[in-house]
Amino acid sequence: MTLHLVPRSLQYLEQVAHLGSIQAASRELGISASAIHRQIAIIEESLGETVFDRDAKGMTLTYAGRLILDMARNWRLDSAKLQTIIQSHRGIEHGHLKIAAMDSMVNGFARDLVEAISRNFPKVTLEIEITSPSLAVKGVINGDFDIAAVANAAPNESLKFHWSREFPLGCIATPDHPIAQKDHVDFEEFVSHSVVFQGKTLAIRNLLEAHYGWIFERAKDAVVVNSIQLMKLLVLSGDYVAVTSELDANLELTTGRLAFVPIFEKDIFKQTISLVTNAQIPESIACKKVLDQAVDLLETAQKTRESVQ
């Protein structure tokens, strides 16, 4: 958002609540710890209440602190609504949008969206933050992001879903890898090879642990990474295979550098990718245009993938 009406003291309180300490908030914001401490002290003095409990583990919000955090969130949402209304009143396609996307989208959807918006809507500027699905959803709800392209977002009254599609999981490997010669593969076969597992901050890892946790113990030669891009680079070396969705490896699959082999397991789940915004904030003209472009890119990517299968 380009309009910042949330008071500085509330912004500081939010960061301390999120990170658990004044020192961590100081590093994140680039503001001295003493300045943050002073603003929190002013809030506590004005209320006559403490807003943080302090112990060896860090700082956690008190009941009064949680009320103030809710007020800060509402303040931000009202600020976002005001900006949207003003832009819509102008009736022109311009503005600045902040978008959350996942690491897997860096060399595909995110890059293509920047190019498309720059080409088709030069008055619209984008700020794209690569983050985890949970933080992306939280950011949309708090008004920090205008749009999020996110995996496995659960239904929420604070979210508006503009596009959603399921993508099957499969094993990715180089075309000359033994697994790539198969019509399908099960997890027993998968863990018999050198594998790359996604780290616990990534959505698919959590789903795999919940449904097929035994594969992490059974794998004899495994490396764990917290980046989809690094995972794909290791697979492209020809020495490893990995489990992911078709969308995560769309570029490599459509260019023929990787092969996608469906996983055949009972009750195998699919990954859902969605475009979401805050249900309480009306979309500006710029936001609507970017959403339309994002949907077109995701639909085109899927059709391209289907055409080369």
C-alpha atoms as a PDB file:
ATOM      1  CA  MET A   1       0.000   0.000   0.000  1.00  0.00           C
ATOM      2  CA  THR A   2       1.273   3.495  -0.751  1.00  0.00           C
ATOM      3  CA  LEU A   3      -0.871   5.254   1.874  1.00  0.00           C
ATOM      4  CA  HIS A   4       0.422   4.782   5.401  1.00  0.00           C
ATOM      5  CA  LEU A   5      -1.956   6.199   8.007  1.00  0.00           C
ATOM      6  CA  VAL A   6      -1.221   3.675  10.758  1.00  0.00           C
ATOM      7  CA  PRO A   7       0.579   5.560  13.562  1.00  0.00           C
ATOM      8  CA  ARG A   8       4.236   4.764  14.005  1.00  0.00           C
ATOM      9  CA  SER A   9       3.692   3.523  17.540  1.00  0.00           C
ATOM     10  CA  LEU A  10       1.210   0.907  16.315  1.00  0.00           C
ATOM     11  CA  GLN A  11       3.559  -0.187  13.534  1.00  0.00           C
ATOM     12  CA  TYR A  12       6.296  -0.726  16.119  1.00  0.00           C
ATOM     13  CA  LEU A  13       3.946  -2.645  18.416  1.00  0.00           C
ATOM     14  CA  GLU A  14       2.927  -4.922  15.527  1.00  0.00           C
ATOM     15  CA  GLN A  15       6.527  -5.810  14.740  1.00  0.00           C
ATOM     16  CA  VAL A  16       7.421  -6.521  18.362  1.00  0.00           C
ATOM     17  CA  ALA A  17       4.324  -8.722  18.671  1.00  0.00           C
ATOM     18  CA  HIS A  18       5.233 -10.565  15.471  1.00  0.00           C
ATOM     19  CA  LEU A  19       8.938 -11.053  16.225  1.00  0.00           C
ATOM     20  CA  GLY A  20       8.824 -11.390  20.001  1.00  0.00           C
ATOM     21  CA  SER A  21      11.402  -8.797  20.993  1.00  0.00           C
ATOM     22  CA  ILE A  22      12.269  -5.132  20.620  1.00  0.00           C
ATOM     23  CA  GLN A  23      15.733  -6.028  19.346  1.00  0.00           C
ATOM     24  CA  ALA A  24      14.338  -8.200  16.553  1.00  0.00           C
ATOM     25  CA  ALA A  25      11.844  -5.485  15.597  1.00  0.00           C
ATOM     26  CA  SER A  26      14.685  -2.952  15.590  1.00  0.00           C
ATOM     27  CA  ARG A  27      16.663  -5.043  13.091  1.00  0.00           C
ATOM     28  CA  GLU A  28      13.610  -5.623  10.903  1.00  0.00           C
ATOM     29  CA  LEU A  29      12.514  -1.977  10.804  1.00  0.00           C
ATOM     30  CA  GLY A  30      15.945  -0.349  10.801  1.00  0.00           C
ATOM     31  CA  ILE A  31      14.866   1.731  13.821  1.00  0.00           C
ATOM     32  CA  SER A  32      16.778   2.004  17.077  1.00  0.00           C
ATOM     33  CA  ALA A  33      15.602  -0.234  19.896  1.00  0.00           C
ATOM     34  CA  SER A  34      15.355   2.786  22.194  1.00  0.00           C
ATOM     35  CA  ALA A  35      12.928   4.518  19.802  1.00  0.00           C
ATOM     36  CA  ILE A  36      10.694   1.440  19.671  1.00  0.00           C
ATOM     37  CA  HIS A  37      10.843   1.035  23.463  1.00  0.00           C
ATOM     38  CA  ARG A  38       9.900   4.705  23.893  1.00  0.00           C
ATOM     39  CA  GLN A  39       6.821   4.392  21.664  1.00  0.00           C
ATOM     40  CA  ILE A  40       5.624   1.277  23.484  1.00  0.00           C
ATOM     41  CA  ALA A  41       6.183   3.006  26.821  1.00  0.00           C
ATOM     42  CA  ILE A  42       4.036   5.932  25.629  1.00  0.00           C
ATOM     43  CA  ILE A  43       1.205   3.530  24.759  1.00  0.00           C
ATOM     44  CA  GLU A  44       1.434   1.808  28.145  1.00  0.00           C
ATOM     45  CA  GLU A  45       1.568   5.122  29.997  1.00  0.00           C
ATOM     46  CA  SER A  46      -1.463   6.441  28.109  1.00  0.00           C
ATOM     47  CA  LEU A  47      -3.482   3.279  28.788  1.00  0.00           C
ATOM     48  CA  GLY A  48      -2.297   2.708  32.307  1.00  0.00           C
ATOM     49  CA  GLU A  49      -1.827  -0.918  31.270  1.00  0.00           C
ATOM     50  CA  THR A  50       1.085  -3.029  30.128  1.00  0.00           C
ATOM     51  CA  VAL A  51       0.763  -4.254  26.530  1.00  0.00           C
ATOM     52  CA  PHE A  52       3.482  -6.925  26.679  1.00  0.00           C
ATOM     53  CA  ASP A  53       4.371  -9.648  29.135  1.00  0.00           C
ATOM     54  CA  ARG A  54       8.129  -9.937  29.302  1.00  0.00           C
ATOM     55  CA  ASP A  55      10.046 -13.090  30.221  1.00  0.00           C
ATOM     56  CA  ALA A  56      13.161 -15.009  29.218  1.00  0.00           C
ATOM     57  CA  LYS A  57      11.428 -16.359  26.108  1.00  0.00           C
ATOM     58  CA  GLY A  58      10.588 -12.895  24.799  1.00  0.00           C
ATOM     59  CA  MET A  59       7.618 -10.530  24.694  1.00  0.00           C
ATOM     60  CA  THR A  60       4.018 -11.621  24.260  1.00  0.00           C
ATOM     61  CA  LEU A  61       0.914  -9.456  24.070  1.00  0.00           C
ATOM     62  CA  THR A  62      -1.295  -8.959  27.095  1.00  0.00           C
ATOM     63  CA  TYR A  63      -5.074  -8.743  26.749  1.00  0.00           C
ATOM     64  CA  ALA A  64      -4.759  -4.965  26.332  1.00  0.00           C
ATOM     65  CA  GLY A  65      -1.991  -5.482  23.779  1.00  0.00           C
ATOM     66  CA  ARG A  66      -4.147  -7.821  21.708  1.00  0.00           C
ATOM     67  CA  LEU A  67      -6.914  -5.206  21.630  1.00  0.00           C
ATOM     68  CA  ILE A  68      -4.452  -2.622  20.359  1.00  0.00           C
ATOM     69  CA  LEU A  69      -3.150  -5.037  17.740  1.00  0.00           C
ATOM     70  CA  ASP A  70      -6.731  -5.518  16.504  1.00  0.00           C
ATOM     71  CA  MET A  71      -7.102  -1.740  16.361  1.00  0.00           C
ATOM     72  CA  ALA A  72      -3.912  -1.451  14.307  1.00  0.00           C
ATOM     73  CA  ARG A  73      -5.200  -4.064  11.855  1.00  0.00           C
ATOM     74  CA  ASN A  74      -8.523  -2.250  11.481  1.00  0.00           C
ATOM     75  CA  TRP A  75      -6.704   1.035  11.023  1.00  0.00           C
ATOM     76  CA  ARG A  76      -4.642  -0.482   8.222  1.00  0.00           C
ATOM     77  CA  LEU A  77      -7.708  -1.955   6.542  1.00  0.00           C
ATOM     78  CA  ASP A  78      -9.502   1.392   6.703  1.00  0.00           C
ATOM     79  CA  SER A  79      -6.419   3.043   5.202  1.00  0.00           C
ATOM     80  CA  ALA A  80      -6.428   0.510   2.374  1.00  0.00           C
ATOM     81  CA  LYS A  81     -10.153   1.057   1.746  1.00  0.00           C
ATOM     82  CA  LEU A  82      -9.617   4.827   1.594  1.00  0.00           C
ATOM     83  CA  GLN A  83      -6.846   4.439  -0.954  1.00  0.00           C
ATOM     84  CA  THR A  84      -8.977   2.110  -3.083  1.00  0.00           C
ATOM     85  CA  ILE A  85     -11.949   4.488  -3.038  1.00  0.00           C
ATOM     86  CA  ILE A  86      -9.772   7.442  -4.020  1.00  0.00           C
ATOM     87  CA  GLN A  87      -8.162   5.531  -6.889  1.00  0.00           C
ATOM     88  CA  SER A  88     -11.540   4.267  -8.124  1.00  0.00           C
ATOM     89  CA  HIS A  89     -12.926   7.814  -8.043  1.00  0.00           C
ATOM     90  CA  ARG A  90     -10.126   8.901 -10.364  1.00  0.00           C
ATOM     91  CA  GLY A  91     -11.281   6.256 -12.819  1.00  0.00           C
ATOM     92  CA  ILE A  92      -7.824   5.498 -14.173  1.00  0.00           C
ATOM     93  CA  GLU A  93      -5.652   2.421 -14.263  1.00  0.00           C
ATOM     94  CA  HIS A  94      -2.805   3.461 -12.021  1.00  0.00           C
ATOM     95  CA  GLY A  95      -1.526   2.649  -8.590  1.00  0.00           C
ATOM     96  CA  HIS A  96       0.964   0.590  -6.618  1.00  0.00           C
ATOM     97  CA  LEU A  97       0.124  -2.967  -5.601  1.00  0.00           C
ATOM     98  CA  LYS A  98       1.909  -5.275  -3.192  1.00  0.00           C
ATOM     99  CA  ILE A  99       1.678  -8.947  -4.097  1.00  0.00           C
ATOM    100  CA  ALA A 100       2.708 -12.030  -2.138  1.00  0.00           C
ATOM    101  CA  ALA A 101       3.912 -15.056  -4.079  1.00  0.00           C
ATOM    102  CA  MET A 102       5.715 -18.307  -3.363  1.00  0.00           C
ATOM    103  CA  ASP A 103       9.300 -19.253  -4.078  1.00  0.00           C
ATOM    104  CA  SER A 104       8.170 -21.759  -6.702  1.00  0.00           C
ATOM    105  CA  MET A 105       6.726 -18.894  -8.771  1.00  0.00           C
ATOM    106  CA  VAL A 106       9.922 -16.846  -9.066  1.00  0.00           C
ATOM    107  CA  ASN A 107      11.004 -18.014 -12.504  1.00  0.00           C
ATOM    108  CA  GLY A 108       7.479 -18.435 -13.855  1.00  0.00           C
ATOM    109  CA  PHE A 109       4.294 -16.726 -12.739  1.00  0.00           C
ATOM    110  CA  ALA A 110       5.898 -13.861 -10.756  1.00  0.00           C
ATOM    111  CA  ARG A 111       8.328 -12.973 -13.539  1.00  0.00           C
ATOM    112  CA  ASP A 112       5.633 -13.212 -16.218  1.00  0.00           C
ATOM    113  CA  LEU A 113       3.237 -11.049 -14.191  1.00  0.00           C
ATOM    114  CA  VAL A 114       5.794  -8.258 -13.818  1.00  0.00           C
ATOM    115  CA  GLU A 115       6.486  -8.316 -17.559  1.00  0.00           C
ATOM    116  CA  ALA A 116       2.778  -8.363 -18.470  1.00  0.00           C
ATOM    117  CA  ILE A 117       1.815  -5.492 -16.166  1.00  0.00           C
ATOM    118  CA  SER A 118       4.794  -3.404 -17.306  1.00  0.00           C
ATOM    119  CA  ARG A 119       3.774  -3.968 -20.913  1.00  0.00           C
ATOM    120  CA  ASN A 120       0.003  -3.592 -20.628  1.00  0.00           C
ATOM    121  CA  PHE A 121      -0.468  -1.229 -17.673  1.00  0.00           C
ATOM    122  CA  PRO A 122       2.606   1.014 -17.423  1.00  0.00           C
ATOM    123  CA  LYS A 123       0.962   3.249 -14.791  1.00  0.00           C
ATOM    124  CA  VAL A 124       0.632   0.325 -12.394  1.00  0.00           C
ATOM    125  CA  THR A 125       3.687  -0.577 -10.326  1.00  0.00           C
ATOM    126  CA  LEU A 126       4.163  -3.838  -8.470  1.00  0.00           C
ATOM    127  CA  GLU A 127       6.007  -4.838  -5.326  1.00  0.00           C
ATOM    128  CA  ILE A 128       6.317  -8.608  -5.085  1.00  0.00           C
ATOM    129  CA  GLU A 129       7.338 -10.317  -1.849  1.00  0.00           C
ATOM    130  CA  ILE A 130       8.315 -13.973  -1.876  1.00  0.00           C
ATOM    131  CA  THR A 131       7.054 -15.552   1.313  1.00  0.00           C
ATOM    132  CA  SER A 132       5.418 -18.632   2.798  1.00  0.00           C
ATOM    133  CA  PRO A 133       1.730 -19.423   2.194  1.00  0.00           C
ATOM    134  CA  SER A 134       0.828 -18.830   5.845  1.00  0.00           C
ATOM    135  CA  LEU A 135       2.506 -15.418   5.951  1.00  0.00           C
ATOM    136  CA  ALA A 136       0.973 -14.499   2.589  1.00  0.00           C
ATOM    137  CA  VAL A 137      -2.538 -15.232   3.862  1.00  0.00           C
ATOM    138  CA  LYS A 138      -1.866 -13.409   7.125  1.00  0.00           C
ATOM    139  CA  GLY A 139      -0.550 -10.425   5.162  1.00  0.00           C
ATOM    140  CA  VAL A 140      -3.685 -10.247   3.002  1.00  0.00           C
ATOM    141  CA  ILE A 141      -5.940 -10.426   6.065  1.00  0.00           C
ATOM    142  CA  ASN A 142      -3.916  -7.690   7.802  1.00  0.00           C
ATOM    143  CA  GLY A 143      -3.954  -5.476   4.707  1.00  0.00           C
ATOM    144  CA  ASP A 144      -0.210  -5.750   4.081  1.00  0.00           C
ATOM    145  CA  PHE A 145      -0.692  -7.393   0.657  1.00  0.00           C
ATOM    146  CA  ASP A 146      -3.227  -6.487  -2.014  1.00  0.00           C
ATOM    147  CA  ILE A 147      -3.080  -9.916  -3.685  1.00  0.00           C
ATOM    148  CA  ALA A 148      -1.570 -13.270  -2.779  1.00  0.00           C
ATOM    149  CA  ALA A 149      -0.846 -16.220  -5.038  1.00  0.00           C
ATOM    150  CA  VAL A 150      -0.824 -18.935  -2.419  1.00  0.00           C
ATOM    151  CA  ALA A 151      -0.933 -22.691  -1.923  1.00  0.00           C
ATOM    152  CA  ASN A 152      -3.608 -24.500   0.059  1.00  0.00           C
ATOM    153  CA  ALA A 153      -5.359 -21.435   1.467  1.00  0.00           C
ATOM    154  CA  ALA A 154      -8.190 -22.522   3.757  1.00  0.00           C
ATOM    155  CA  PRO A 155     -11.640 -20.921   3.417  1.00  0.00           C
ATOM    156  CA  ASN A 156     -11.804 -17.752   5.501  1.00  0.00           C
ATOM    157  CA  GLU A 157     -14.461 -15.055   5.720  1.00  0.00           C
ATOM    158  CA  SER A 158     -11.697 -12.451   5.487  1.00  0.00           C
ATOM    159  CA  LEU A 159     -10.481 -13.813   2.126  1.00  0.00           C
ATOM    160  CA  LYS A 160     -11.985 -13.421  -1.331  1.00  0.00           C
ATOM    161  CA  PHE A 161     -10.977 -16.163  -3.780  1.00  0.00           C
ATOM    162  CA  HIS A 162     -10.665 -14.979  -7.381  1.00  0.00           C
ATOM    163  CA  TRP A 163      -9.174 -18.131  -8.883  1.00  0.00           C
ATOM    164  CA  SER A 164      -8.383 -21.566  -7.538  1.00  0.00           C
ATOM    165  CA  ARG A 165      -7.252 -24.816  -9.086  1.00  0.00           C
ATOM    166  CA  GLU A 166      -5.945 -28.176  -7.926  1.00  0.00           C
ATOM    167  CA  PHE A 167      -2.619 -29.409  -9.250  1.00  0.00           C
ATOM    168  CA  PRO A 168      -1.622 -33.070  -8.886  1.00  0.00           C
ATOM    169  CA  LEU A 169       1.571 -34.082  -7.152  1.00  0.00           C
ATOM    170  CA  GLY A 170       4.184 -36.032  -8.988  1.00  0.00           C
ATOM    171  CA  CYS A 171       7.838 -36.931  -9.098  1.00  0.00           C
ATOM    172  CA  ILE A 172      10.093 -34.647 -11.148  1.00  0.00           C
ATOM    173  CA  ALA A 173      13.286 -35.953 -12.707  1.00  0.00           C
ATOM    174  CA  THR A 174      15.482 -35.346 -15.725  1.00  0.00           C
ATOM    175  CA  PRO A 175      14.147 -37.040 -18.878  1.00  0.00           C
ATOM    176  CA  ASP A 176      16.950 -39.647 -18.834  1.00  0.00           C
ATOM    177  CA  HIS A 177      16.427 -40.617 -15.184  1.00  0.00           C
ATOM    178  CA  PRO A 178      15.028 -44.152 -14.620  1.00  0.00           C
ATOM    179  CA  ILE A 179      11.922 -42.752 -12.912  1.00  0.00           C
ATOM    180  CA  ALA A 180      11.131 -40.624 -15.974  1.00  0.00           C
ATOM    181  CA  GLN A 181      10.692 -43.788 -18.015  1.00  0.00           C
ATOM    182  CA  LYS A 182       7.710 -44.891 -15.917  1.00  0.00           C
ATOM    183  CA  ASP A 183       3.990 -44.123 -16.356  1.00  0.00           C
ATOM    184  CA  HIS A 184       3.618 -43.612 -12.625  1.00  0.00           C
ATOM    185  CA  VAL A 185       5.598 -44.092  -9.429  1.00  0.00           C
ATOM    186  CA  ASP A 186       4.806 -44.889  -5.799  1.00  0.00           C
ATOM    187  CA  PHE A 187       6.636 -43.624  -2.737  1.00  0.00           C
ATOM    188  CA  GLU A 188       8.477 -46.923  -2.224  1.00  0.00           C
ATOM    189  CA  GLU A 189      10.085 -46.464  -5.632  1.00  0.00           C
ATOM    190  CA  PHE A 190      10.637 -42.748  -5.024  1.00  0.00           C
ATOM    191  CA  VAL A 191      12.651 -43.157  -1.805  1.00  0.00           C
ATOM    192  CA  SER A 192      14.837 -45.832  -3.379  1.00  0.00           C
ATOM    193  CA  HIS A 193      16.559 -43.015  -5.307  1.00  0.00           C
ATOM    194  CA  SER A 194      18.498 -39.964  -4.147  1.00  0.00           C
ATOM    195  CA  VAL A 195      15.803 -37.447  -3.258  1.00  0.00           C
ATOM    196  CA  VAL A 196      15.362 -33.762  -2.452  1.00  0.00           C
ATOM    197  CA  PHE A 197      12.779 -33.043   0.227  1.00  0.00           C
ATOM    198  CA  GLN A 198      11.191 -29.658   0.729  1.00  0.00           C
ATOM    199  CA  GLY A 199      11.849 -27.996   4.082  1.00  0.00           C
ATOM    200  CA  LYS A 200       9.225 -27.639   6.789  1.00  0.00           C
ATOM    201  CA  THR A 201       8.461 -24.037   5.847  1.00  0.00           C
ATOM    202  CA  LEU A 202       7.050 -25.215   2.512  1.00  0.00           C
ATOM    203  CA  ALA A 203       3.447 -26.329   2.041  1.00  0.00           C
ATOM    204  CA  ILE A 204       3.982 -29.696   0.346  1.00  0.00           C
ATOM    205  CA  ARG A 205       6.384 -30.883   3.071  1.00  0.00           C
ATOM    206  CA  ASN A 206       3.725 -30.373   5.732  1.00  0.00           C
ATOM    207  CA  LEU A 207       1.134 -32.266   3.706  1.00  0.00           C
ATOM    208  CA  LEU A 208       3.541 -35.139   3.056  1.00  0.00           C
ATOM    209  CA  GLU A 209       4.423 -35.401   6.737  1.00  0.00           C
ATOM    210  CA  ALA A 210       0.743 -35.546   7.672  1.00  0.00           C
ATOM    211  CA  HIS A 211      -0.132 -38.296   5.171  1.00  0.00           C
ATOM    212  CA  TYR A 212       3.109 -40.117   4.296  1.00  0.00           C
ATOM    213  CA  GLY A 213       5.535 -39.285   7.091  1.00  0.00           C
ATOM    214  CA  TRP A 214       7.308 -42.644   6.754  1.00  0.00           C
ATOM    215  CA  ILE A 215       9.036 -41.582   3.521  1.00  0.00           C
ATOM    216  CA  PHE A 216      11.311 -39.196   5.420  1.00  0.00           C
ATOM    217  CA  GLU A 217      12.618 -42.049   7.560  1.00  0.00           C
ATOM    218  CA  ARG A 218      12.815 -44.548   4.708  1.00  0.00           C
ATOM    219  CA  ALA A 219      14.855 -42.386   2.309  1.00  0.00           C
ATOM    220  CA  LYS A 220      18.496 -43.510   2.380  1.00  0.00           C
ATOM    221  CA  ASP A 221      20.011 -40.623   0.432  1.00  0.00           C
ATOM    222  CA  ALA A 222      18.173 -37.347   0.963  1.00  0.00           C
ATOM    223  CA  VAL A 223      18.842 -33.626   1.150  1.00  0.00           C
ATOM    224  CA  VAL A 224      16.387 -31.071   2.557  1.00  0.00           C
ATOM    225  CA  VAL A 225      16.097 -27.531   1.149  1.00  0.00           C
ATOM    226  CA  ASN A 226      13.771 -24.621   1.921  1.00  0.00           C
ATOM    227  CA  SER A 227      13.754 -23.310  -1.653  1.00  0.00           C
ATOM    228  CA  ILE A 228      11.803 -24.710  -4.599  1.00  0.00           C
ATOM    229  CA  GLN A 229      14.319 -23.110  -6.940  1.00  0.00           C
ATOM    230  CA  LEU A 230      17.236 -24.910  -5.286  1.00  0.00           C
ATOM    231  CA  MET A 231      15.240 -28.140  -5.269  1.00  0.00           C
ATOM    232  CA  LYS A 232      14.720 -27.882  -9.032  1.00  0.00           C
ATOM    233  CA  LEU A 233      18.388 -27.074  -9.648  1.00  0.00           C
ATOM    234  CA  LEU A 234      19.420 -30.207  -7.762  1.00  0.00           C
ATOM    235  CA  VAL A 235      16.946 -32.310  -9.747  1.00  0.00           C
ATOM    236  CA  LEU A 236      18.221 -30.750 -12.988  1.00  0.00           C
ATOM    237  CA  SER A 237      21.695 -32.049 -12.098  1.00  0.00           C
ATOM    238  CA  GLY A 238      20.335 -35.535 -12.784  1.00  0.00           C
ATOM    239  CA  ASP A 239      21.413 -36.839  -9.392  1.00  0.00           C
ATOM    240  CA  TYR A 240      18.144 -36.328  -7.516  1.00  0.00           C
ATOM    241  CA  VAL A 241      14.376 -36.619  -7.834  1.00  0.00           C
ATOM    242  CA  ALA A 242      11.740 -34.675  -5.914  1.00  0.00           C
ATOM    243  CA  VAL A 243       8.016 -34.529  -5.197  1.00  0.00           C
ATOM    244  CA  THR A 244       6.192 -31.349  -6.155  1.00  0.00           C
ATOM    245  CA  SER A 245       3.211 -30.063  -8.111  1.00  0.00           C
ATOM    246  CA  GLU A 246       3.083 -29.438 -11.838  1.00  0.00           C
ATOM    247  CA  LEU A 247       2.793 -25.684 -11.291  1.00  0.00           C
ATOM    248  CA  ASP A 248       5.962 -25.566  -9.184  1.00  0.00           C
ATOM    249  CA  ALA A 249       7.990 -26.962 -12.097  1.00  0.00           C
ATOM    250  CA  ASN A 250       5.885 -25.593 -14.954  1.00  0.00           C
ATOM    251  CA  LEU A 251       8.729 -23.793 -16.759  1.00  0.00           C
ATOM    252  CA  GLU A 252      11.085 -26.769 -16.626  1.00  0.00           C
ATOM    253  CA  LEU A 253       8.330 -29.159 -17.695  1.00  0.00           C
ATOM    254  CA  THR A 254       7.128 -27.114 -20.658  1.00  0.00           C
ATOM    255  CA  THR A 255      10.702 -26.630 -21.908  1.00  0.00           C
ATOM    256  CA  GLY A 256      11.415 -30.358 -21.609  1.00  0.00           C
ATOM    257  CA  ARG A 257      14.234 -30.029 -19.093  1.00  0.00           C
ATOM    258  CA  LEU A 258      12.293 -32.053 -16.525  1.00  0.00           C
ATOM    259  CA  ALA A 259       9.730 -34.839 -16.709  1.00  0.00           C
ATOM    260  CA  PHE A 260       6.697 -35.191 -14.450  1.00  0.00           C
ATOM    261  CA  VAL A 261       5.651 -38.685 -13.369  1.00  0.00           C
ATOM    262  CA  PRO A 262       2.323 -38.987 -11.487  1.00  0.00           C
ATOM    263  CA  ILE A 263       2.464 -40.498  -8.018  1.00  0.00           C
ATOM    264  CA  PHE A 264       0.223 -43.510  -7.593  1.00  0.00           C
ATOM    265  CA  GLU A 265      -0.798 -43.817  -3.945  1.00  0.00           C
ATOM    266  CA  LYS A 266      -4.113 -44.333  -2.206  1.00  0.00           C
ATOM    267  CA  ASP A 267      -5.755 -41.018  -1.330  1.00  0.00           C
ATOM    268  CA  ILE A 268      -2.878 -38.973  -2.737  1.00  0.00           C
ATOM    269  CA  PHE A 269      -3.699 -35.314  -2.175  1.00  0.00           C
ATOM    270  CA  LYS A 270      -3.437 -32.430  -4.621  1.00  0.00           C
ATOM    271  CA  GLN A 271      -2.036 -28.972  -4.075  1.00  0.00           C
ATOM    272  CA  THR A 272      -4.474 -26.096  -4.488  1.00  0.00           C
ATOM    273  CA  ILE A 273      -3.198 -22.767  -5.832  1.00  0.00           C
ATOM    274  CA  SER A 274      -5.388 -19.699  -5.327  1.00  0.00           C
ATOM    275  CA  LEU A 275      -5.411 -15.961  -5.968  1.00  0.00           C
ATOM    276  CA  VAL A 276      -6.859 -14.183  -2.937  1.00  0.00           C
ATOM    277  CA  THR A 277      -7.553 -10.638  -1.757  1.00  0.00           C
ATOM    278  CA  ASN A 278      -8.999  -9.160   1.415  1.00  0.00           C
ATOM    279  CA  ALA A 279     -12.786  -9.577   1.386  1.00  0.00           C
ATOM    280  CA  GLN A 280     -13.225  -6.341   3.354  1.00  0.00           C
ATOM    281  CA  ILE A 281     -11.336  -4.149   0.891  1.00  0.00           C
ATOM    282  CA  PRO A 282     -12.950  -3.372  -2.495  1.00  0.00           C
ATOM    283  CA  GLU A 283     -10.563  -3.931  -5.406  1.00  0.00           C
ATOM    284  CA  SER A 284      -9.299  -0.806  -7.139  1.00  0.00           C
ATOM    285  CA  ILE A 285      -9.308  -0.636 -10.935  1.00  0.00           C
ATOM    286  CA  ALA A 286      -5.585  -1.382 -10.908  1.00  0.00           C
ATOM    287  CA  CYS A 287      -6.087  -4.394  -8.643  1.00  0.00           C
ATOM    288  CA  LYS A 288      -8.830  -5.777 -10.878  1.00  0.00           C
ATOM    289  CA  LYS A 289      -6.628  -5.424 -13.949  1.00  0.00           C
ATOM    290  CA  VAL A 290      -3.730  -7.175 -12.249  1.00  0.00           C
ATOM    291  CA  LEU A 291      -6.028  -9.958 -11.035  1.00  0.00           C
ATOM    292  CA  ASP A 292      -7.362 -10.478 -14.571  1.00  0.00           C
ATOM    293  CA  GLN A 293      -3.815 -10.618 -15.910  1.00  0.00           C
ATOM    294  CA  ALA A 294      -2.735 -13.033 -13.183  1.00  0.00           C
ATOM    295  CA  VAL A 295      -5.631 -15.379 -13.932  1.00  0.00           C
ATOM    296  CA  ASP A 296      -4.806 -15.290 -17.657  1.00  0.00           C
ATOM    297  CA  LEU A 297      -1.181 -16.194 -16.942  1.00  0.00           C
ATOM    298  CA  LEU A 298      -2.088 -19.097 -14.672  1.00  0.00           C
ATOM    299  CA  GLU A 299      -4.673 -20.448 -17.122  1.00  0.00           C
ATOM    300  CA  THR A 300      -2.247 -20.131 -20.032  1.00  0.00           C
ATOM    301  CA  ALA A 301       0.486 -21.917 -18.085  1.00  0.00           C
ATOM    302  CA  GLN A 302      -1.863 -24.811 -17.381  1.00  0.00           C
ATOM    303  CA  LYS A 303      -3.014 -25.066 -21.010  1.00  0.00           C
ATOM    304  CA  THR A 304       0.584 -24.982 -22.236  1.00  0.00           C
ATOM    305  CA  ARG A 305       1.495 -27.755 -19.839  1.00  0.00           C
ATOM    306  CA  GLU A 306      -1.449 -29.885 -20.968  1.00  0.00           C
ATOM    307  CA  SER A 307      -0.514 -29.400 -24.639  1.00  0.00           C
ATOM    308  CA  VAL A 308       2.966 -30.837 -24.187  1.00  0.00           C
ATOM    309  CA  GLN A 309       1.891 -33.878 -22.178  1.00  0.00           C
END
